[in-house]
Amino acid sequence: MASGPAGRAAEEPPPPEPPAEQKPPPLPPAQEEFSFLPLVHDIIKCMDKDSQDVHQVLNELKNKFQEMRKLISSMPGIGVSPEQQQQQLQNLREQVRTKNELLQKYKSLCMFEIPKE
């Protein structure tokens, strides 16, 4: 009996992973990871105390700036000019307008009403 359902489950291959292009994009970092204020506050505290840790905290701030620069440069659409963005927006609005017109036209055909018996 021990080789029943548990035995079958062990024999089944794991489900195939979707191709890389179908995987959802990675989740953005939490809101706190975008804040530089805590590091600036730590730097000020270290300077008030004449602590030697100020160099370490400055390096952390520098690294955080570098990480944010990488994140910003990898954002989708960052290389699109404002004019191209306006053109894309205009095209999308036109598509929405056209689709709304078609939807109203199909609704007016009365094809979706159930006939009464």
PDB file of N, CA and C in Angstrom:
ATOM      1  N   MET A   1       0.815  -1.195   0.000  1.00  0.00           N
ATOM      2  CA  MET A   1       0.000   0.000   0.000  1.00  0.00           C
ATOM      3  C   MET A   1       0.854   1.252   0.000  1.00  0.00           C
ATOM      4  N   ALA A   2       2.077   1.135   0.512  1.00  0.00           N
ATOM      5  CA  ALA A   2       2.947   2.304   0.591  1.00  0.00           C
ATOM      6  C   ALA A   2       3.355   2.778  -0.797  1.00  0.00           C
ATOM      7  N   SER A   3       3.267   1.903  -1.809  1.00  0.00           N
ATOM      8  CA  SER A   3       3.664   2.319  -3.149  1.00  0.00           C
ATOM      9  C   SER A   3       2.477   2.817  -3.955  1.00  0.00           C
ATOM     10  N   GLY A   4       1.385   3.147  -3.317  1.00  0.00           N
ATOM     11  CA  GLY A   4       0.167   3.621  -3.988  1.00  0.00           C
ATOM     12  C   GLY A   4       0.348   5.011  -4.577  1.00  0.00           C
ATOM     13  N   PRO A   5      -0.451   5.970  -4.131  1.00  0.00           N
ATOM     14  CA  PRO A   5      -0.399   7.309  -4.711  1.00  0.00           C
ATOM     15  C   PRO A   5       0.945   7.986  -4.510  1.00  0.00           C
ATOM     16  N   ALA A   6       1.588   7.725  -3.374  1.00  0.00           N
ATOM     17  CA  ALA A   6       2.885   8.363  -3.149  1.00  0.00           C
ATOM     18  C   ALA A   6       3.908   7.845  -4.153  1.00  0.00           C
ATOM     19  N   GLY A   7       3.830   6.581  -4.512  1.00  0.00           N
ATOM     20  CA  GLY A   7       4.752   6.007  -5.486  1.00  0.00           C
ATOM     21  C   GLY A   7       4.552   6.608  -6.861  1.00  0.00           C
ATOM     22  N   ARG A   8       3.287   6.848  -7.233  1.00  0.00           N
ATOM     23  CA  ARG A   8       3.010   7.453  -8.537  1.00  0.00           C
ATOM     24  C   ARG A   8       3.478   8.892  -8.585  1.00  0.00           C
ATOM     25  N   ALA A   9       3.302   9.594  -7.501  1.00  0.00           N
ATOM     26  CA  ALA A   9       3.700  11.003  -7.484  1.00  0.00           C
ATOM     27  C   ALA A   9       5.214  11.133  -7.646  1.00  0.00           C
ATOM     28  N   ALA A  10       5.957  10.172  -7.098  1.00  0.00           N
ATOM     29  CA  ALA A  10       7.414  10.243  -7.201  1.00  0.00           C
ATOM     30  C   ALA A  10       7.880   9.957  -8.620  1.00  0.00           C
ATOM     31  N   GLU A  11       7.098   9.184  -9.382  1.00  0.00           N
ATOM     32  CA  GLU A  11       7.491   8.827 -10.737  1.00  0.00           C
ATOM     33  C   GLU A  11       7.186   9.925 -11.747  1.00  0.00           C
ATOM     34  N   GLU A  12       6.223  10.807 -11.451  1.00  0.00           N
ATOM     35  CA  GLU A  12       5.836  11.845 -12.403  1.00  0.00           C
ATOM     36  C   GLU A  12       6.931  12.890 -12.504  1.00  0.00           C
ATOM     37  N   PRO A  13       7.261  13.289 -13.731  1.00  0.00           N
ATOM     38  CA  PRO A  13       8.286  14.323 -13.894  1.00  0.00           C
ATOM     39  C   PRO A  13       7.710  15.671 -13.461  1.00  0.00           C
ATOM     40  N   PRO A  14       8.544  16.571 -13.005  1.00  0.00           N
ATOM     41  CA  PRO A  14       8.041  17.894 -12.622  1.00  0.00           C
ATOM     42  C   PRO A  14       7.527  18.620 -13.853  1.00  0.00           C
ATOM     43  N   PRO A  15       6.551  19.518 -13.680  1.00  0.00           N
ATOM     44  CA  PRO A  15       6.023  20.243 -14.844  1.00  0.00           C
ATOM     45  C   PRO A  15       7.116  21.093 -15.460  1.00  0.00           C
ATOM     46  N   PRO A  16       7.129  21.174 -16.786  1.00  0.00           N
ATOM     47  CA  PRO A  16       8.178  21.963 -17.453  1.00  0.00           C
ATOM     48  C   PRO A  16       8.027  23.435 -17.107  1.00  0.00           C
ATOM     49  N   GLU A  17       9.161  24.110 -16.992  1.00  0.00           N
ATOM     50  CA  GLU A  17       9.135  25.534 -16.704  1.00  0.00           C
ATOM     51  C   GLU A  17       8.825  26.277 -17.995  1.00  0.00           C
ATOM     52  N   PRO A  18       8.090  27.391 -17.887  1.00  0.00           N
ATOM     53  CA  PRO A  18       7.786  28.147 -19.099  1.00  0.00           C
ATOM     54  C   PRO A  18       9.060  28.767 -19.661  1.00  0.00           C
ATOM     55  N   PRO A  19       9.083  29.043 -20.960  1.00  0.00           N
ATOM     56  CA  PRO A  19      10.257  29.680 -21.559  1.00  0.00           C
ATOM     57  C   PRO A  19      10.537  31.017 -20.895  1.00  0.00           C
ATOM     58  N   ALA A  20      11.761  31.464 -21.025  1.00  0.00           N
ATOM     59  CA  ALA A  20      12.189  32.693 -20.338  1.00  0.00           C
ATOM     60  C   ALA A  20      11.340  33.891 -20.732  1.00  0.00           C
ATOM     61  N   GLU A  21      10.883  33.974 -21.991  1.00  0.00           N
ATOM     62  CA  GLU A  21      10.125  35.139 -22.411  1.00  0.00           C
ATOM     63  C   GLU A  21       8.720  35.181 -21.818  1.00  0.00           C
ATOM     64  N   GLN A  22       8.227  34.077 -21.266  1.00  0.00           N
ATOM     65  CA  GLN A  22       6.899  34.048 -20.691  1.00  0.00           C
ATOM     66  C   GLN A  22       6.904  34.238 -19.183  1.00  0.00           C
ATOM     67  N   LYS A  23       8.082  34.227 -18.564  1.00  0.00           N
ATOM     68  CA  LYS A  23       8.153  34.403 -17.120  1.00  0.00           C
ATOM     69  C   LYS A  23       7.814  35.847 -16.785  1.00  0.00           C
ATOM     70  N   PRO A  24       7.110  36.067 -15.672  1.00  0.00           N
ATOM     71  CA  PRO A  24       6.806  37.448 -15.294  1.00  0.00           C
ATOM     72  C   PRO A  24       8.084  38.167 -14.898  1.00  0.00           C
ATOM     73  N   PRO A  25       8.093  39.497 -15.076  1.00  0.00           N
ATOM     74  CA  PRO A  25       9.292  40.238 -14.701  1.00  0.00           C
ATOM     75  C   PRO A  25       9.511  40.156 -13.197  1.00  0.00           C
ATOM     76  N   PRO A  26      10.748  40.298 -12.762  1.00  0.00           N
ATOM     77  CA  PRO A  26      11.001  40.229 -11.321  1.00  0.00           C
ATOM     78  C   PRO A  26      10.266  41.341 -10.601  1.00  0.00           C
ATOM     79  N   LEU A  27       9.864  41.046  -9.380  1.00  0.00           N
ATOM     80  CA  LEU A  27       9.144  42.034  -8.601  1.00  0.00           C
ATOM     81  C   LEU A  27      10.066  43.189  -8.238  1.00  0.00           C
ATOM     82  N   PRO A  28       9.518  44.407  -8.244  1.00  0.00           N
ATOM     83  CA  PRO A  28      10.362  45.539  -7.879  1.00  0.00           C
ATOM     84  C   PRO A  28      10.727  45.473  -6.400  1.00  0.00           C
ATOM     85  N   PRO A  29      11.848  46.072  -6.040  1.00  0.00           N
ATOM     86  CA  PRO A  29      12.229  46.063  -4.627  1.00  0.00           C
ATOM     87  C   PRO A  29      11.193  46.795  -3.789  1.00  0.00           C
ATOM     88  N   ALA A  30      11.202  46.507  -2.510  1.00  0.00           N
ATOM     89  CA  ALA A  30      10.265  47.153  -1.605  1.00  0.00           C
ATOM     90  C   ALA A  30      10.526  48.653  -1.559  1.00  0.00           C
ATOM     91  N   GLN A  31       9.510  49.400  -1.159  1.00  0.00           N
ATOM     92  CA  GLN A  31       9.586  50.860  -1.114  1.00  0.00           C
ATOM     93  C   GLN A  31      10.771  51.338  -0.281  1.00  0.00           C
ATOM     94  N   GLU A  32      11.082  50.639   0.809  1.00  0.00           N
ATOM     95  CA  GLU A  32      12.162  51.062   1.688  1.00  0.00           C
ATOM     96  C   GLU A  32      13.506  51.027   0.964  1.00  0.00           C
ATOM     97  N   GLU A  33      13.659  50.184  -0.013  1.00  0.00           N
ATOM     98  CA  GLU A  33      14.926  50.059  -0.711  1.00  0.00           C
ATOM     99  C   GLU A  33      15.215  51.262  -1.599  1.00  0.00           C
ATOM    100  N   PHE A  34      14.225  52.101  -1.851  1.00  0.00           N
ATOM    101  CA  PHE A  34      14.417  53.282  -2.679  1.00  0.00           C
ATOM    102  C   PHE A  34      14.770  54.507  -1.846  1.00  0.00           C
ATOM    103  N   SER A  35      14.717  54.392  -0.552  1.00  0.00           N
ATOM    104  CA  SER A  35      14.933  55.532   0.324  1.00  0.00           C
ATOM    105  C   SER A  35      16.414  55.680   0.673  1.00  0.00           C
ATOM    106  N   PHE A  36      16.933  56.887   0.432  1.00  0.00           N
ATOM    107  CA  PHE A  36      18.311  57.198   0.778  1.00  0.00           C
ATOM    108  C   PHE A  36      18.391  57.893   2.127  1.00  0.00           C
ATOM    109  N   LEU A  37      17.273  58.336   2.627  1.00  0.00           N
ATOM    110  CA  LEU A  37      17.250  59.123   3.852  1.00  0.00           C
ATOM    111  C   LEU A  37      17.846  58.406   5.061  1.00  0.00           C
ATOM    112  N   PRO A  38      17.552  57.119   5.289  1.00  0.00           N
ATOM    113  CA  PRO A  38      18.170  56.460   6.448  1.00  0.00           C
ATOM    114  C   PRO A  38      19.699  56.462   6.385  1.00  0.00           C
ATOM    115  N   LEU A  39      20.250  56.280   5.202  1.00  0.00           N
ATOM    116  CA  LEU A  39      21.713  56.299   5.073  1.00  0.00           C
ATOM    117  C   LEU A  39      22.277  57.694   5.316  1.00  0.00           C
ATOM    118  N   VAL A  40      21.589  58.715   4.815  1.00  0.00           N
ATOM    119  CA  VAL A  40      22.036  60.082   5.044  1.00  0.00           C
ATOM    120  C   VAL A  40      21.970  60.388   6.541  1.00  0.00           C
ATOM    121  N   HIS A  41      20.921  59.920   7.184  1.00  0.00           N
ATOM    122  CA  HIS A  41      20.780  60.117   8.631  1.00  0.00           C
ATOM    123  C   HIS A  41      21.931  59.434   9.373  1.00  0.00           C
ATOM    124  N   ASP A  42      22.277  58.236   8.973  1.00  0.00           N
ATOM    125  CA  ASP A  42      23.393  57.520   9.600  1.00  0.00           C
ATOM    126  C   ASP A  42      24.717  58.265   9.411  1.00  0.00           C
ATOM    127  N   ILE A  43      24.902  58.841   8.226  1.00  0.00           N
ATOM    128  CA  ILE A  43      26.131  59.601   7.960  1.00  0.00           C
ATOM    129  C   ILE A  43      26.214  60.807   8.893  1.00  0.00           C
ATOM    130  N   ILE A  44      25.101  61.497   9.051  1.00  0.00           N
ATOM    131  CA  ILE A  44      25.088  62.674   9.929  1.00  0.00           C
ATOM    132  C   ILE A  44      25.381  62.264  11.373  1.00  0.00           C
ATOM    133  N   LYS A  45      24.772  61.150  11.807  1.00  0.00           N
ATOM    134  CA  LYS A  45      25.031  60.681  13.174  1.00  0.00           C
ATOM    135  C   LYS A  45      26.505  60.337  13.358  1.00  0.00           C
ATOM    136  N   CYS A  46      27.107  59.664  12.371  1.00  0.00           N
ATOM    137  CA  CYS A  46      28.525  59.302  12.471  1.00  0.00           C
ATOM    138  C   CYS A  46      29.407  60.536  12.514  1.00  0.00           C
ATOM    139  N   MET A  47      29.048  61.547  11.753  1.00  0.00           N
ATOM    140  CA  MET A  47      29.845  62.776  11.738  1.00  0.00           C
ATOM    141  C   MET A  47      29.721  63.518  13.064  1.00  0.00           C
ATOM    142  N   ASP A  48      28.539  63.478  13.675  1.00  0.00           N
ATOM    143  CA  ASP A  48      28.353  64.121  14.976  1.00  0.00           C
ATOM    144  C   ASP A  48      29.203  63.450  16.049  1.00  0.00           C
ATOM    145  N   LYS A  49      29.364  62.147  15.936  1.00  0.00           N
ATOM    146  CA  LYS A  49      30.109  61.386  16.940  1.00  0.00           C
ATOM    147  C   LYS A  49      31.602  61.306  16.620  1.00  0.00           C
ATOM    148  N   ASP A  50      32.014  61.863  15.505  1.00  0.00           N
ATOM    149  CA  ASP A  50      33.399  61.719  15.026  1.00  0.00           C
ATOM    150  C   ASP A  50      33.788  60.244  14.934  1.00  0.00           C
ATOM    151  N   SER A  51      32.854  59.455  14.419  1.00  0.00           N
ATOM    152  CA  SER A  51      33.052  58.011  14.323  1.00  0.00           C
ATOM    153  C   SER A  51      33.822  57.667  13.052  1.00  0.00           C
ATOM    154  N   GLN A  52      34.536  56.554  13.097  1.00  0.00           N
ATOM    155  CA  GLN A  52      35.270  56.066  11.929  1.00  0.00           C
ATOM    156  C   GLN A  52      34.346  55.302  10.969  1.00  0.00           C
ATOM    157  N   ASP A  53      33.106  55.060  11.405  1.00  0.00           N
ATOM    158  CA  ASP A  53      32.149  54.312  10.572  1.00  0.00           C
ATOM    159  C   ASP A  53      31.607  55.142   9.415  1.00  0.00           C
ATOM    160  N   VAL A  54      31.910  56.431   9.391  1.00  0.00           N
ATOM    161  CA  VAL A  54      31.361  57.301   8.358  1.00  0.00           C
ATOM    162  C   VAL A  54      31.779  56.840   6.962  1.00  0.00           C
ATOM    163  N   HIS A  55      32.983  56.330   6.801  1.00  0.00           N
ATOM    164  CA  HIS A  55      33.446  55.860   5.489  1.00  0.00           C
ATOM    165  C   HIS A  55      32.655  54.639   5.035  1.00  0.00           C
ATOM    166  N   GLN A  56      32.346  53.775   5.976  1.00  0.00           N
ATOM    167  CA  GLN A  56      31.556  52.582   5.641  1.00  0.00           C
ATOM    168  C   GLN A  56      30.150  52.983   5.194  1.00  0.00           C
ATOM    169  N   VAL A  57      29.543  53.928   5.919  1.00  0.00           N
ATOM    170  CA  VAL A  57      28.191  54.359   5.582  1.00  0.00           C
ATOM    171  C   VAL A  57      28.200  55.125   4.256  1.00  0.00           C
ATOM    172  N   LEU A  58      29.239  55.903   4.019  1.00  0.00           N
ATOM    173  CA  LEU A  58      29.354  56.596   2.730  1.00  0.00           C
ATOM    174  C   LEU A  58      29.462  55.604   1.577  1.00  0.00           C
ATOM    175  N   ASN A  59      30.203  54.527   1.788  1.00  0.00           N
ATOM    176  CA  ASN A  59      30.303  53.486   0.756  1.00  0.00           C
ATOM    177  C   ASN A  59      28.955  52.813   0.526  1.00  0.00           C
ATOM    178  N   GLU A  60      28.188  52.599   1.597  1.00  0.00           N
ATOM    179  CA  GLU A  60      26.852  52.018   1.446  1.00  0.00           C
ATOM    180  C   GLU A  60      25.963  52.934   0.611  1.00  0.00           C
ATOM    181  N   LEU A  61      26.035  54.242   0.879  1.00  0.00           N
ATOM    182  CA  LEU A  61      25.241  55.206   0.111  1.00  0.00           C
ATOM    183  C   LEU A  61      25.671  55.204  -1.356  1.00  0.00           C
ATOM    184  N   LYS A  62      26.967  55.177  -1.585  1.00  0.00           N
ATOM    185  CA  LYS A  62      27.492  55.138  -2.957  1.00  0.00           C
ATOM    186  C   LYS A  62      26.992  53.881  -3.680  1.00  0.00           C
ATOM    187  N   ASN A  63      27.053  52.728  -3.003  1.00  0.00           N
ATOM    188  CA  ASN A  63      26.572  51.478  -3.603  1.00  0.00           C
ATOM    189  C   ASN A  63      25.087  51.533  -3.902  1.00  0.00           C
ATOM    190  N   LYS A  64      24.336  52.162  -3.005  1.00  0.00           N
ATOM    191  CA  LYS A  64      22.892  52.276  -3.222  1.00  0.00           C
ATOM    192  C   LYS A  64      22.599  53.139  -4.448  1.00  0.00           C
ATOM    193  N   PHE A  65      23.345  54.232  -4.610  1.00  0.00           N
ATOM    194  CA  PHE A  65      23.185  55.064  -5.804  1.00  0.00           C
ATOM    195  C   PHE A  65      23.496  54.263  -7.065  1.00  0.00           C
ATOM    196  N   GLN A  66      24.540  53.457  -7.036  1.00  0.00           N
ATOM    197  CA  GLN A  66      24.895  52.643  -8.192  1.00  0.00           C
ATOM    198  C   GLN A  66      23.802  51.626  -8.510  1.00  0.00           C
ATOM    199  N   GLU A  67      23.248  50.995  -7.472  1.00  0.00           N
ATOM    200  CA  GLU A  67      22.160  50.034  -7.680  1.00  0.00           C
ATOM    201  C   GLU A  67      20.954  50.713  -8.311  1.00  0.00           C
ATOM    202  N   MET A  68      20.611  51.905  -7.832  1.00  0.00           N
ATOM    203  CA  MET A  68      19.453  52.618  -8.367  1.00  0.00           C
ATOM    204  C   MET A  68      19.693  53.049  -9.811  1.00  0.00           C
ATOM    205  N   ARG A  69      20.924  53.439 -10.130  1.00  0.00           N
ATOM    206  CA  ARG A  69      21.238  53.790 -11.518  1.00  0.00           C
ATOM    207  C   ARG A  69      21.038  52.589 -12.438  1.00  0.00           C
ATOM    208  N   LYS A  70      21.506  51.410 -11.977  1.00  0.00           N
ATOM    209  CA  LYS A  70      21.318  50.184 -12.769  1.00  0.00           C
ATOM    210  C   LYS A  70      19.841  49.874 -12.940  1.00  0.00           C
ATOM    211  N   LEU A  71      19.071  50.016 -11.859  1.00  0.00           N
ATOM    212  CA  LEU A  71      17.639  49.735 -11.904  1.00  0.00           C
ATOM    213  C   LEU A  71      16.928  50.670 -12.878  1.00  0.00           C
ATOM    214  N   ILE A  72      17.268  51.939 -12.805  1.00  0.00           N
ATOM    215  CA  ILE A  72      16.633  52.919 -13.692  1.00  0.00           C
ATOM    216  C   ILE A  72      16.997  52.645 -15.145  1.00  0.00           C
ATOM    217  N   SER A  73      18.262  52.331 -15.406  1.00  0.00           N
ATOM    218  CA  SER A  73      18.673  52.095 -16.795  1.00  0.00           C
ATOM    219  C   SER A  73      18.073  50.821 -17.364  1.00  0.00           C
ATOM    220  N   SER A  74      17.629  49.901 -16.507  1.00  0.00           N
ATOM    221  CA  SER A  74      17.035  48.659 -16.999  1.00  0.00           C
ATOM    222  C   SER A  74      15.511  48.727 -17.098  1.00  0.00           C
ATOM    223  N   MET A  75      14.932  49.863 -16.767  1.00  0.00           N
ATOM    224  CA  MET A  75      13.470  49.988 -16.821  1.00  0.00           C
ATOM    225  C   MET A  75      12.996  49.974 -18.274  1.00  0.00           C
ATOM    226  N   PRO A  76      11.865  49.311 -18.531  1.00  0.00           N
ATOM    227  CA  PRO A  76      11.367  49.274 -19.910  1.00  0.00           C
ATOM    228  C   PRO A  76      10.921  50.669 -20.365  1.00  0.00           C
ATOM    229  N   GLY A  77      11.290  51.008 -21.591  1.00  0.00           N
ATOM    230  CA  GLY A  77      10.874  52.276 -22.174  1.00  0.00           C
ATOM    231  C   GLY A  77      11.740  53.455 -21.795  1.00  0.00           C
ATOM    232  N   ILE A  78      12.834  53.226 -21.090  1.00  0.00           N
ATOM    233  CA  ILE A  78      13.675  54.337 -20.642  1.00  0.00           C
ATOM    234  C   ILE A  78      14.335  55.035 -21.826  1.00  0.00           C
ATOM    235  N   GLY A  79      14.531  54.324 -22.923  1.00  0.00           N
ATOM    236  CA  GLY A  79      15.167  54.918 -24.094  1.00  0.00           C
ATOM    237  C   GLY A  79      14.199  55.552 -25.076  1.00  0.00           C
ATOM    238  N   VAL A  80      12.918  55.590 -24.738  1.00  0.00           N
ATOM    239  CA  VAL A  80      11.914  56.144 -25.642  1.00  0.00           C
ATOM    240  C   VAL A  80      11.795  57.645 -25.390  1.00  0.00           C
ATOM    241  N   SER A  81      11.865  58.425 -26.460  1.00  0.00           N
ATOM    242  CA  SER A  81      11.804  59.881 -26.315  1.00  0.00           C
ATOM    243  C   SER A  81      10.380  60.318 -25.952  1.00  0.00           C
ATOM    244  N   PRO A  82      10.236  61.508 -25.384  1.00  0.00           N
ATOM    245  CA  PRO A  82       8.888  62.009 -25.057  1.00  0.00           C
ATOM    246  C   PRO A  82       7.972  62.085 -26.277  1.00  0.00           C
ATOM    247  N   GLU A  83       8.541  62.417 -27.432  1.00  0.00           N
ATOM    248  CA  GLU A  83       7.723  62.484 -28.649  1.00  0.00           C
ATOM    249  C   GLU A  83       7.195  61.098 -29.030  1.00  0.00           C
ATOM    250  N   GLN A  84       8.075  60.092 -28.903  1.00  0.00           N
ATOM    251  CA  GLN A  84       7.642  58.719 -29.199  1.00  0.00           C
ATOM    252  C   GLN A  84       6.593  58.254 -28.192  1.00  0.00           C
ATOM    253  N   GLN A  85       6.757  58.643 -26.929  1.00  0.00           N
ATOM    254  CA  GLN A  85       5.764  58.286 -25.918  1.00  0.00           C
ATOM    255  C   GLN A  85       4.414  58.921 -26.241  1.00  0.00           C
ATOM    256  N   GLN A  86       4.433  60.185 -26.661  1.00  0.00           N
ATOM    257  CA  GLN A  86       3.182  60.850 -27.028  1.00  0.00           C
ATOM    258  C   GLN A  86       2.529  60.166 -28.220  1.00  0.00           C
ATOM    259  N   GLN A  87       3.340  59.754 -29.198  1.00  0.00           N
ATOM    260  CA  GLN A  87       2.807  59.059 -30.366  1.00  0.00           C
ATOM    261  C   GLN A  87       2.193  57.722 -29.971  1.00  0.00           C
ATOM    262  N   GLN A  88       2.892  56.967 -29.095  1.00  0.00           N
ATOM    263  CA  GLN A  88       2.344  55.694 -28.622  1.00  0.00           C
ATOM    264  C   GLN A  88       1.039  55.917 -27.871  1.00  0.00           C
ATOM    265  N   LEU A  89       0.996  56.955 -27.029  1.00  0.00           N
ATOM    266  CA  LEU A  89      -0.213  57.261 -26.274  1.00  0.00           C
ATOM    267  C   LEU A  89      -1.358  57.615 -27.215  1.00  0.00           C
ATOM    268  N   GLN A  90      -1.071  58.398 -28.233  1.00  0.00           N
ATOM    269  CA  GLN A  90      -2.103  58.774 -29.205  1.00  0.00           C
ATOM    270  C   GLN A  90      -2.614  57.531 -29.949  1.00  0.00           C
ATOM    271  N   ASN A  91      -1.705  56.639 -30.344  1.00  0.00           N
ATOM    272  CA  ASN A  91      -2.111  55.416 -31.033  1.00  0.00           C
ATOM    273  C   ASN A  91      -2.995  54.541 -30.136  1.00  0.00           C
ATOM    274  N   LEU A  92      -2.602  54.410 -28.872  1.00  0.00           N
ATOM    275  CA  LEU A  92      -3.391  53.587 -27.943  1.00  0.00           C
ATOM    276  C   LEU A  92      -4.766  54.195 -27.685  1.00  0.00           C
ATOM    277  N   ARG A  93      -4.835  55.521 -27.570  1.00  0.00           N
ATOM    278  CA  ARG A  93      -6.143  56.179 -27.384  1.00  0.00           C
ATOM    279  C   ARG A  93      -7.037  55.970 -28.602  1.00  0.00           C
ATOM    280  N   GLU A  94      -6.442  56.022 -29.779  1.00  0.00           N
ATOM    281  CA  GLU A  94      -7.211  55.786 -31.011  1.00  0.00           C
ATOM    282  C   GLU A  94      -7.735  54.351 -31.040  1.00  0.00           C
ATOM    283  N   GLN A  95      -6.904  53.399 -30.615  1.00  0.00           N
ATOM    284  CA  GLN A  95      -7.356  52.006 -30.558  1.00  0.00           C
ATOM    285  C   GLN A  95      -8.507  51.837 -29.581  1.00  0.00           C
ATOM    286  N   VAL A  96      -8.422  52.480 -28.431  1.00  0.00           N
ATOM    287  CA  VAL A  96      -9.499  52.391 -27.433  1.00  0.00           C
ATOM    288  C   VAL A  96     -10.773  52.996 -28.004  1.00  0.00           C
ATOM    289  N   ARG A  97     -10.657  54.149 -28.666  1.00  0.00           N
ATOM    290  CA  ARG A  97     -11.836  54.792 -29.250  1.00  0.00           C
ATOM    291  C   ARG A  97     -12.482  53.884 -30.298  1.00  0.00           C
ATOM    292  N   THR A  98     -11.661  53.297 -31.159  1.00  0.00           N
ATOM    293  CA  THR A  98     -12.175  52.405 -32.198  1.00  0.00           C
ATOM    294  C   THR A  98     -12.844  51.182 -31.581  1.00  0.00           C
ATOM    295  N   LYS A  99     -12.232  50.598 -30.584  1.00  0.00           N
ATOM    296  CA  LYS A  99     -12.804  49.415 -29.942  1.00  0.00           C
ATOM    297  C   LYS A  99     -14.097  49.751 -29.212  1.00  0.00           C
ATOM    298  N   ASN A 100     -14.172  50.918 -28.602  1.00  0.00           N
ATOM    299  CA  ASN A 100     -15.421  51.328 -27.955  1.00  0.00           C
ATOM    300  C   ASN A 100     -16.535  51.521 -28.978  1.00  0.00           C
ATOM    301  N   GLU A 101     -16.194  52.101 -30.122  1.00  0.00           N
ATOM    302  CA  GLU A 101     -17.187  52.273 -31.183  1.00  0.00           C
ATOM    303  C   GLU A 101     -17.688  50.910 -31.667  1.00  0.00           C
ATOM    304  N   LEU A 102     -16.774  49.972 -31.874  1.00  0.00           N
ATOM    305  CA  LEU A 102     -17.169  48.636 -32.309  1.00  0.00           C
ATOM    306  C   LEU A 102     -18.027  47.947 -31.249  1.00  0.00           C
ATOM    307  N   LEU A 103     -17.680  48.104 -30.004  1.00  0.00           N
ATOM    308  CA  LEU A 103     -18.449  47.505 -28.927  1.00  0.00           C
ATOM    309  C   LEU A 103     -19.873  48.064 -28.908  1.00  0.00           C
ATOM    310  N   GLN A 104     -20.000  49.366 -29.052  1.00  0.00           N
ATOM    311  CA  GLN A 104     -21.338  49.962 -29.085  1.00  0.00           C
ATOM    312  C   GLN A 104     -22.116  49.482 -30.303  1.00  0.00           C
ATOM    313  N   LYS A 105     -21.430  49.335 -31.416  1.00  0.00           N
ATOM    314  CA  LYS A 105     -22.087  48.853 -32.633  1.00  0.00           C
ATOM    315  C   LYS A 105     -22.594  47.428 -32.443  1.00  0.00           C
ATOM    316  N   TYR A 106     -21.767  46.551 -31.849  1.00  0.00           N
ATOM    317  CA  TYR A 106     -22.175  45.167 -31.605  1.00  0.00           C
ATOM    318  C   TYR A 106     -23.302  45.088 -30.592  1.00  0.00           C
ATOM    319  N   LYS A 107     -23.280  45.959 -29.605  1.00  0.00           N
ATOM    320  CA  LYS A 107     -24.362  45.969 -28.618  1.00  0.00           C
ATOM    321  C   LYS A 107     -25.683  46.379 -29.259  1.00  0.00           C
ATOM    322  N   SER A 108     -25.611  47.277 -30.226  1.00  0.00           N
ATOM    323  CA  SER A 108     -26.840  47.753 -30.862  1.00  0.00           C
ATOM    324  C   SER A 108     -27.428  46.727 -31.831  1.00  0.00           C
ATOM    325  N   LEU A 109     -26.709  45.689 -32.172  1.00  0.00           N
ATOM    326  CA  LEU A 109     -27.221  44.661 -33.080  1.00  0.00           C
ATOM    327  C   LEU A 109     -28.220  43.733 -32.398  1.00  0.00           C
ATOM    328  N   CYS A 110     -28.333  43.782 -31.107  1.00  0.00           N
ATOM    329  CA  CYS A 110     -29.272  42.969 -30.318  1.00  0.00           C
ATOM    330  C   CYS A 110     -29.021  41.482 -30.476  1.00  0.00           C
ATOM    331  N   MET A 111     -27.839  41.102 -30.784  1.00  0.00           N
ATOM    332  CA  MET A 111     -27.533  39.674 -30.953  1.00  0.00           C
ATOM    333  C   MET A 111     -27.357  38.987 -29.597  1.00  0.00           C
ATOM    334  N   PHE A 112     -27.187  39.769 -28.543  1.00  0.00           N
ATOM    335  CA  PHE A 112     -26.874  39.190 -27.254  1.00  0.00           C
ATOM    336  C   PHE A 112     -28.114  38.994 -26.380  1.00  0.00           C
ATOM    337  N   GLU A 113     -29.280  39.360 -26.886  1.00  0.00           N
ATOM    338  CA  GLU A 113     -30.498  39.180 -26.118  1.00  0.00           C
ATOM    339  C   GLU A 113     -30.995  37.738 -26.263  1.00  0.00           C
ATOM    340  N   ILE A 114     -31.501  37.185 -25.185  1.00  0.00           N
ATOM    341  CA  ILE A 114     -32.055  35.834 -25.201  1.00  0.00           C
ATOM    342  C   ILE A 114     -33.515  35.932 -25.621  1.00  0.00           C
ATOM    343  N   PRO A 115     -33.908  35.200 -26.649  1.00  0.00           N
ATOM    344  CA  PRO A 115     -35.313  35.278 -27.084  1.00  0.00           C
ATOM    345  C   PRO A 115     -36.249  34.716 -26.006  1.00  0.00           C
ATOM    346  N   LYS A 116     -37.387  35.390 -25.872  1.00  0.00           N
ATOM    347  CA  LYS A 116     -38.374  34.946 -24.885  1.00  0.00           C
ATOM    348  C   LYS A 116     -39.245  33.878 -25.521  1.00  0.00           C
ATOM    349  N   GLU A 117     -39.618  32.878 -24.720  1.00  0.00           N
ATOM    350  CA  GLU A 117     -40.432  31.767 -25.257  1.00  0.00           C
ATOM    351  C   GLU A 117     -41.897  31.974 -24.977  1.00  0.00           C
TER     352      GLU A 117
END
